[in-house]
Protein backbone atom coordinates (compact mmCIF):
# COMPACT_ATOMS: atom_id res chain seq x y z
CA MET A 1 -33.42 48.98 -24.54
CA ILE A 2 -30.62 51.67 -23.51
CA ALA A 3 -30.99 51.13 -20.13
CA ALA A 4 -30.98 47.16 -20.26
CA VAL A 5 -27.45 47.47 -22.33
CA ALA A 6 -26.19 49.65 -19.57
CA MET A 7 -26.78 47.43 -16.81
CA ALA A 8 -25.63 44.17 -18.52
CA PRO A 9 -22.84 42.72 -16.71
CA GLY A 10 -19.36 42.70 -18.04
CA PRO A 11 -16.70 40.80 -17.88
CA SER A 12 -15.38 40.50 -14.10
CA LEU A 13 -12.02 39.51 -12.91
CA PHE A 14 -12.94 35.81 -12.88
CA ASP A 15 -14.64 35.89 -16.04
CA PRO A 16 -12.22 37.68 -18.58
CA ALA A 17 -13.84 37.94 -22.36
CA GLY A 18 -16.72 35.86 -21.01
CA VAL A 19 -14.67 32.71 -20.28
CA PRO A 20 -16.00 30.36 -17.96
CA PRO A 21 -14.58 31.46 -14.42
CA TRP A 22 -13.15 27.69 -14.03
CA VAL A 23 -11.42 28.05 -17.38
CA ALA A 24 -9.59 31.19 -16.82
CA ALA A 25 -8.19 30.04 -13.68
CA ALA A 26 -7.29 26.81 -15.07
CA LEU A 27 -5.07 28.61 -17.19
CA PHE A 28 -3.53 30.93 -15.27
CA GLY A 29 -2.95 27.94 -12.90
CA LEU A 30 -1.11 26.42 -15.90
CA VAL A 31 1.35 29.44 -16.20
CA VAL A 32 1.73 29.35 -12.42
CA GLY A 33 2.33 25.90 -12.32
CA SER A 34 5.53 26.54 -14.88
CA PHE A 35 6.77 29.22 -12.21
CA ALA A 36 6.14 26.82 -9.61
CA ASN A 37 8.34 24.27 -11.04
CA VAL A 38 11.05 27.10 -11.46
CA CYS A 39 10.92 27.79 -7.59
CA ILE A 40 10.90 23.92 -6.66
CA HIS A 41 14.07 23.59 -9.08
CA ARG A 42 15.92 26.58 -8.15
CA ILE A 43 14.92 27.79 -4.38
CA PRO A 44 16.72 24.80 -3.19
CA LEU A 45 20.11 25.61 -4.85
CA ARG A 46 19.89 29.19 -3.65
CA GLU A 47 19.40 30.14 -7.30
CA SER A 48 17.20 33.72 -8.48
CA VAL A 49 13.85 32.25 -9.90
CA VAL A 50 13.69 35.20 -12.52
CA HIS A 51 17.17 35.14 -13.89
CA PRO A 52 18.18 33.44 -16.26
CA ARG A 53 15.52 31.93 -18.28
CA SER A 54 14.85 28.52 -18.19
CA ARG A 55 17.38 26.43 -19.81
CA CYS A 56 18.14 22.90 -20.68
CA PRO A 57 20.01 21.06 -17.47
CA ARG A 58 22.42 19.06 -20.16
CA CYS A 59 23.11 21.12 -22.85
CA GLY A 60 22.65 24.58 -21.51
CA SER A 61 20.02 25.98 -24.25
CA ALA A 62 17.96 28.69 -23.55
CA ILE A 63 13.81 27.51 -23.86
CA SER A 64 12.27 29.59 -26.17
CA ALA A 65 8.96 31.10 -24.92
CA LEU A 66 7.16 28.55 -27.69
CA HIS A 67 8.89 25.70 -26.36
CA ASN A 68 7.82 26.97 -23.00
CA LEU A 69 4.13 26.52 -23.04
CA PRO A 70 2.66 24.79 -19.60
CA VAL A 71 1.81 20.90 -20.81
CA VAL A 72 1.37 21.84 -24.54
CA SER A 73 5.32 22.10 -25.15
CA TRP A 74 6.33 19.22 -23.08
CA LEU A 75 3.70 17.00 -25.47
CA TRP A 76 4.84 18.49 -28.85
CA LEU A 77 8.27 17.74 -27.94
CA ARG A 78 7.35 14.47 -26.65
CA GLY A 79 9.44 14.83 -23.45
CA ARG A 80 12.85 16.06 -24.96
CA CYS A 81 14.53 19.24 -25.28
CA ALA A 82 14.20 20.69 -28.80
CA THR A 83 18.14 21.47 -29.32
CA CYS A 84 19.68 18.17 -27.86
CA ARG A 85 16.69 15.66 -27.29
CA ALA A 86 17.86 14.97 -23.70
CA PRO A 87 14.83 13.85 -21.89
CA ILE A 88 12.71 16.33 -20.10
CA SER A 89 11.07 14.76 -16.73
CA TRP A 90 7.37 14.26 -16.87
CA ARG A 91 7.44 15.83 -13.44
CA TYR A 92 7.40 19.48 -15.21
CA PRO A 93 4.23 18.93 -16.92
CA ALA A 94 2.54 17.12 -14.01
CA VAL A 95 2.92 20.11 -11.61
CA GLU A 96 1.88 22.43 -14.01
CA ALA A 97 -1.17 20.12 -14.77
CA ALA A 98 -1.79 19.58 -11.07
CA ASN A 99 -1.82 23.57 -10.43
CA GLY A 100 -4.21 24.47 -13.26
CA VAL A 101 -6.53 21.62 -11.74
CA VAL A 102 -6.34 22.76 -8.26
CA TRP A 103 -6.91 26.53 -9.52
CA ALA A 104 -9.86 25.40 -11.39
CA GLY A 105 -11.40 23.09 -8.85
CA LEU A 106 -11.01 25.92 -6.28
CA VAL A 107 -12.97 28.48 -8.28
CA ALA A 108 -15.52 25.58 -9.46
CA MET A 109 -16.39 24.74 -5.84
CA HIS A 110 -16.06 27.93 -3.95
CA GLY A 111 -16.78 30.44 -6.75
CA PRO A 112 -15.22 33.93 -7.41
CA ARG A 113 -14.93 35.26 -3.96
CA LEU A 114 -12.09 36.35 -1.94
CA PHE A 115 -11.35 33.36 -0.02
CA THR A 116 -10.51 31.70 -3.61
CA LEU A 117 -8.21 34.51 -4.71
CA VAL A 118 -6.34 33.60 -1.20
CA ALA A 119 -6.45 29.61 -1.21
CA MET A 120 -5.18 29.69 -5.27
CA PRO A 121 -1.66 30.95 -4.20
CA LEU A 122 -1.44 29.28 -1.02
CA ALA A 123 -2.42 26.12 -2.66
CA THR A 124 0.31 26.71 -5.09
CA ALA A 125 3.08 27.66 -2.35
CA LEU A 126 1.96 24.25 -0.55
CA LEU A 127 2.69 22.37 -4.08
CA VAL A 128 6.09 23.76 -4.04
CA LEU A 129 7.16 23.12 -0.32
CA ALA A 130 5.67 20.01 -0.71
CA LEU A 131 7.87 18.97 -3.59
CA ILE A 132 11.27 20.79 -2.25
CA ASP A 133 10.86 18.49 1.11
CA TYR A 134 10.16 15.16 -1.14
CA ASP A 135 13.36 16.14 -3.12
CA HIS A 136 15.53 17.80 -0.35
CA LYS A 137 14.27 17.46 3.24
CA LEU A 138 13.95 21.04 3.32
CA LEU A 139 11.16 23.83 3.80
CA PRO A 140 12.89 26.90 2.68
CA ASP A 141 12.59 30.02 4.96
CA VAL A 142 12.01 32.47 1.85
CA ILE A 143 8.49 31.05 1.25
CA THR A 144 7.34 29.82 4.74
CA LEU A 145 7.97 33.29 6.49
CA PRO A 146 6.93 35.65 3.99
CA GLY A 147 4.00 33.15 3.30
CA THR A 148 3.10 33.69 7.37
CA ALA A 149 3.27 37.09 7.23
CA LEU A 150 0.91 37.14 3.77
CA GLY A 151 -1.51 34.89 5.79
CA VAL A 152 -1.79 37.26 8.74
CA LEU A 153 -2.30 40.16 6.19
CA ALA A 154 -5.01 37.83 4.64
CA SER A 155 -6.89 37.74 7.53
CA GLY A 156 -7.91 41.61 7.05
CA LEU A 157 -10.03 40.41 4.48
CA PRO A 158 -13.64 39.54 5.36
CA GLY A 159 -14.29 36.10 6.66
CA GLU A 160 -12.55 33.95 8.96
CA PRO A 161 -9.55 33.83 10.10
CA THR A 162 -9.84 36.97 12.02
CA LEU A 163 -6.56 38.56 12.81
CA PHE A 164 -6.64 37.53 16.26
CA GLN A 165 -7.14 33.83 15.04
CA SER A 166 -4.85 33.95 12.60
CA VAL A 167 -1.92 35.25 14.64
CA ALA A 168 -3.10 32.71 17.19
CA ALA A 169 -2.76 29.94 15.20
CA ALA A 170 0.33 30.94 13.65
CA ILE A 171 2.04 31.04 16.84
CA GLY A 172 0.24 27.81 18.20
CA GLY A 173 1.29 26.03 15.11
CA TYR A 174 4.61 26.70 15.46
CA VAL A 175 4.73 25.92 19.37
CA THR A 176 3.19 22.93 19.17
CA LEU A 177 5.53 21.48 16.45
CA ALA A 178 8.51 22.59 18.32
CA VAL A 179 7.28 20.98 21.61
CA VAL A 180 6.62 17.76 20.01
CA ALA A 181 9.94 17.91 18.06
CA ARG A 182 11.58 18.50 21.28
CA ALA A 183 9.80 15.64 23.16
CA TYR A 184 10.75 13.15 20.47
CA ARG A 185 14.26 14.25 20.39
CA ALA A 186 14.59 13.72 24.24
CA ALA A 187 12.66 10.12 24.00
CA ARG A 188 14.33 8.81 20.79
CA GLY A 189 17.80 10.90 20.67
CA VAL A 190 17.21 11.74 17.18
CA GLU A 191 15.75 14.40 15.27
CA GLY A 192 11.93 13.91 14.43
CA LEU A 193 10.75 17.47 13.21
CA GLY A 194 13.00 20.12 11.59
CA MET A 195 12.29 23.75 12.38
CA GLY A 196 11.06 23.97 8.41
CA ASP A 197 7.99 22.23 9.59
CA TRP A 198 7.49 24.41 12.74
CA LYS A 199 7.45 27.58 10.18
CA MET A 200 5.31 25.68 7.98
CA ALA A 201 2.59 25.10 10.55
CA ALA A 202 2.85 28.61 11.27
CA MET A 203 2.06 29.77 7.80
CA LEU A 204 -0.70 27.14 7.81
CA GLY A 205 -2.46 28.54 10.90
CA ALA A 206 -1.81 32.14 9.55
CA PHE A 207 -3.76 31.42 6.37
CA LEU A 208 -6.21 29.03 7.69
CA GLY A 209 -7.14 29.58 11.90
CA TRP A 210 -6.78 26.88 14.29
CA GLN A 211 -9.42 24.52 13.55
CA LYS A 212 -8.48 23.89 9.80
CA LEU A 213 -4.33 24.16 11.08
CA LEU A 214 -5.68 20.79 13.39
CA LEU A 215 -7.46 19.05 10.94
CA THR A 216 -4.09 19.83 8.42
CA VAL A 217 -1.80 18.49 11.02
CA PHE A 218 -4.29 15.23 11.73
CA LEU A 219 -4.65 14.53 8.08
CA ALA A 220 -0.87 14.55 7.02
CA THR A 221 -0.02 12.50 10.22
CA LEU A 222 -2.84 10.22 9.20
CA ALA A 223 -1.44 9.88 5.82
CA GLY A 224 2.19 9.87 6.71
CA THR A 225 1.22 7.03 9.13
CA LEU A 226 -0.35 5.01 6.13
CA VAL A 227 2.33 5.50 3.85
CA GLY A 228 5.01 4.42 6.28
CA LEU A 229 3.18 1.01 7.23
CA ALA A 230 2.85 0.46 3.37
CA LEU A 231 6.64 0.73 3.15
CA ILE A 232 7.19 -1.39 5.95
CA LEU A 233 4.66 -4.09 4.49
CA LEU A 234 6.29 -3.95 0.69
CA GLY A 235 9.52 -4.15 2.62
CA THR A 236 10.82 -0.96 1.08
CA GLY A 237 10.91 0.79 4.55
CA SER A 238 11.42 0.32 8.35
CA ARG A 239 10.23 1.98 11.55
CA ARG A 240 13.75 4.54 11.32
CA SER A 241 12.55 5.64 7.83
CA GLU A 242 12.33 9.15 7.38
CA LEU A 243 9.46 10.74 5.78
CA PRO A 244 8.99 14.17 4.78
CA LEU A 245 6.66 15.56 7.15
CA GLY A 246 6.25 18.74 5.27
CA THR A 247 5.17 17.11 1.88
CA PHE A 248 2.24 15.85 3.87
CA LEU A 249 1.40 19.03 5.35
CA GLY A 250 1.38 20.70 2.00
CA LEU A 251 -0.81 17.76 0.06
CA ALA A 252 -3.12 17.87 3.38
CA GLY A 253 -3.37 21.83 3.36
CA ILE A 254 -4.47 21.93 -0.34
CA ALA A 255 -6.99 19.02 0.55
CA VAL A 256 -8.33 21.24 3.26
CA LEU A 257 -9.06 24.33 0.85
CA PHE A 258 -11.50 21.96 -0.79
CA VAL A 259 -13.08 20.24 1.96
CA GLY A 260 -11.93 21.46 4.93
CA GLU A 261 -15.37 23.15 6.13
CA PRO A 262 -17.58 20.22 5.13
CA LEU A 263 -15.22 17.79 7.45
CA LEU A 264 -15.50 20.55 10.46
CA GLY A 265 -19.03 20.75 9.77
CA TRP A 266 -19.60 16.99 9.96
CA TYR A 267 -17.46 16.80 12.78
CA ALA A 268 -19.10 19.56 14.91
CA GLY A 269 -22.51 17.58 14.12
CA PHE A 270 -21.52 14.93 16.82
CA PHE A 271 -21.95 17.49 19.53
């Protein structure tokens, strides 16, 4: 009996106090999603993401810890500031919930392994980049450049991509989008892709490798084309409408973290 007790498995990194891994991931994801909101708001303004503490944009009152609980506080306060009662955008809890769902889904689908540990923060970074690009047509270097370096470092972990594949995909993603951008500018006389898109492609390549990078770019391009066509049909857009590629790259990258391997396996089955 003593031996059985000694060999009984204890809580792991993904299983604190016996909580199911996906539940623990969801809770951590909600908290990180709250920080993601701070990044989305402050980074384009070149403000610190750690100081000062969160405040109401209307009255400037500091938001207490009790009123800053992910999703719960927004629902409890009915989407309003506790001090001045100014409305708080629904997007704040939506980002928190989305990040929690993505983290929980990654753990549920891939299990508690090294790939998941890398995929979760990557998904959050892609979510932040997608929304910043949507709001400001901007992909900040402060995310993409360190993100590329971290992707290369993560290639040292077991599994793919290897270090060579990571570096090659990062360089290939950057160069390919740069060539496409130059060609588009030469043909149309206007900018088609900014340098932020090139750097985001490098970051994706560093983390995902060249095959999943190509899949991400394909899905992003397809989604952007479909959205553009829908806007034209609805009369709210035209062929000259500018759509933020980084938004589509971010969402496509998150999708590839979930279904990239099955899709590539399905495609390889044709050959």
